[in-house]
Amino acid sequence: MMRMLEGWDWFESRLRAHLHASGYRAFNKTQSMVIIYVANGLTRPSDIARQISLTRQAVQNAVRQLVDA
């Protein structure tokens, strides 16, 4: 289980580094998780919140910050 979590953490941190290197502003972990789930077809904040174990409000806040960016 730990190796899988380490792999996920590596993937997520590499995504943030790639976005930053591509000229996008730095994203926090919640924002990058939202990007990953939207890219895979989840678009409702409540569905994304359920997947990453956050409140719907936290996901909506992350989405709002991404839209503003």
Protein backbone atom coordinates (compact mmCIF):
# COMPACT_ATOMS: atom_id res chain seq x y z
CA MET A 1 0.00 0.00 0.00
CA MET A 2 2.80 2.40 0.88
CA ARG A 3 4.47 1.95 -2.52
CA MET A 4 1.19 2.80 -4.25
CA LEU A 5 0.80 5.96 -2.17
CA GLU A 6 4.39 6.95 -2.90
CA GLY A 7 3.74 6.41 -6.61
CA TRP A 8 0.63 8.55 -6.48
CA ASP A 9 2.47 11.30 -4.62
CA TRP A 10 5.25 11.20 -7.23
CA PHE A 11 2.71 11.43 -10.07
CA GLU A 12 0.87 14.34 -8.50
CA SER A 13 4.04 16.27 -7.71
CA ARG A 14 5.36 15.69 -11.27
CA LEU A 15 2.04 16.99 -12.65
CA ARG A 16 2.42 20.18 -10.61
CA ALA A 17 6.05 20.57 -11.70
CA HIS A 18 5.09 20.05 -15.37
CA LEU A 19 2.30 22.63 -15.19
CA HIS A 20 4.65 25.11 -13.52
CA ALA A 21 7.37 24.48 -16.15
CA SER A 22 4.76 25.00 -18.87
CA GLY A 23 4.13 28.52 -17.62
CA TYR A 24 1.12 27.94 -15.38
CA ARG A 25 1.12 29.32 -11.88
CA ALA A 26 1.83 26.93 -9.04
CA PHE A 27 -1.14 24.80 -8.03
CA ASN A 28 -1.71 23.30 -4.62
CA LYS A 29 -2.38 19.60 -4.14
CA THR A 30 -6.17 19.96 -4.04
CA GLN A 31 -6.19 21.94 -7.28
CA SER A 32 -4.02 19.39 -9.05
CA MET A 33 -6.29 16.57 -7.82
CA VAL A 34 -9.28 18.43 -9.24
CA ILE A 35 -7.47 18.77 -12.58
CA ILE A 36 -6.74 15.03 -12.62
CA TYR A 37 -10.35 14.06 -11.95
CA VAL A 38 -11.79 16.57 -14.44
CA ALA A 39 -9.38 15.24 -17.08
CA ASN A 40 -10.81 11.79 -16.39
CA GLY A 41 -14.41 12.88 -16.87
CA LEU A 42 -15.65 13.83 -13.41
CA THR A 43 -17.09 17.33 -13.55
CA ARG A 44 -19.43 17.63 -10.57
CA PRO A 45 -17.77 19.02 -7.43
CA SER A 46 -19.72 16.57 -5.26
CA ASP A 47 -18.39 13.59 -7.26
CA ILE A 48 -14.82 14.88 -7.10
CA ALA A 49 -15.17 15.59 -3.37
CA ARG A 50 -16.32 12.04 -2.76
CA GLN A 51 -13.34 10.64 -4.68
CA ILE A 52 -10.71 12.64 -2.80
CA SER A 53 -12.46 12.66 0.59
CA LEU A 54 -12.95 16.40 0.85
CA THR A 55 -16.03 18.51 1.38
CA ARG A 56 -17.91 19.75 -1.64
CA GLN A 57 -17.19 23.30 -0.50
CA ALA A 58 -13.43 22.64 -0.47
CA VAL A 59 -13.60 21.31 -4.02
CA GLN A 60 -15.76 24.24 -5.15
CA ASN A 61 -13.20 26.62 -3.65
CA ALA A 62 -10.39 24.84 -5.53
CA VAL A 63 -12.40 25.01 -8.77
CA ARG A 64 -13.06 28.72 -8.24
CA GLN A 65 -9.33 29.34 -7.72
CA LEU A 66 -8.52 27.38 -10.89
CA VAL A 67 -11.07 29.36 -12.91
CA ASP A 68 -9.64 32.63 -11.56
CA ALA A 69 -6.14 31.50 -12.53
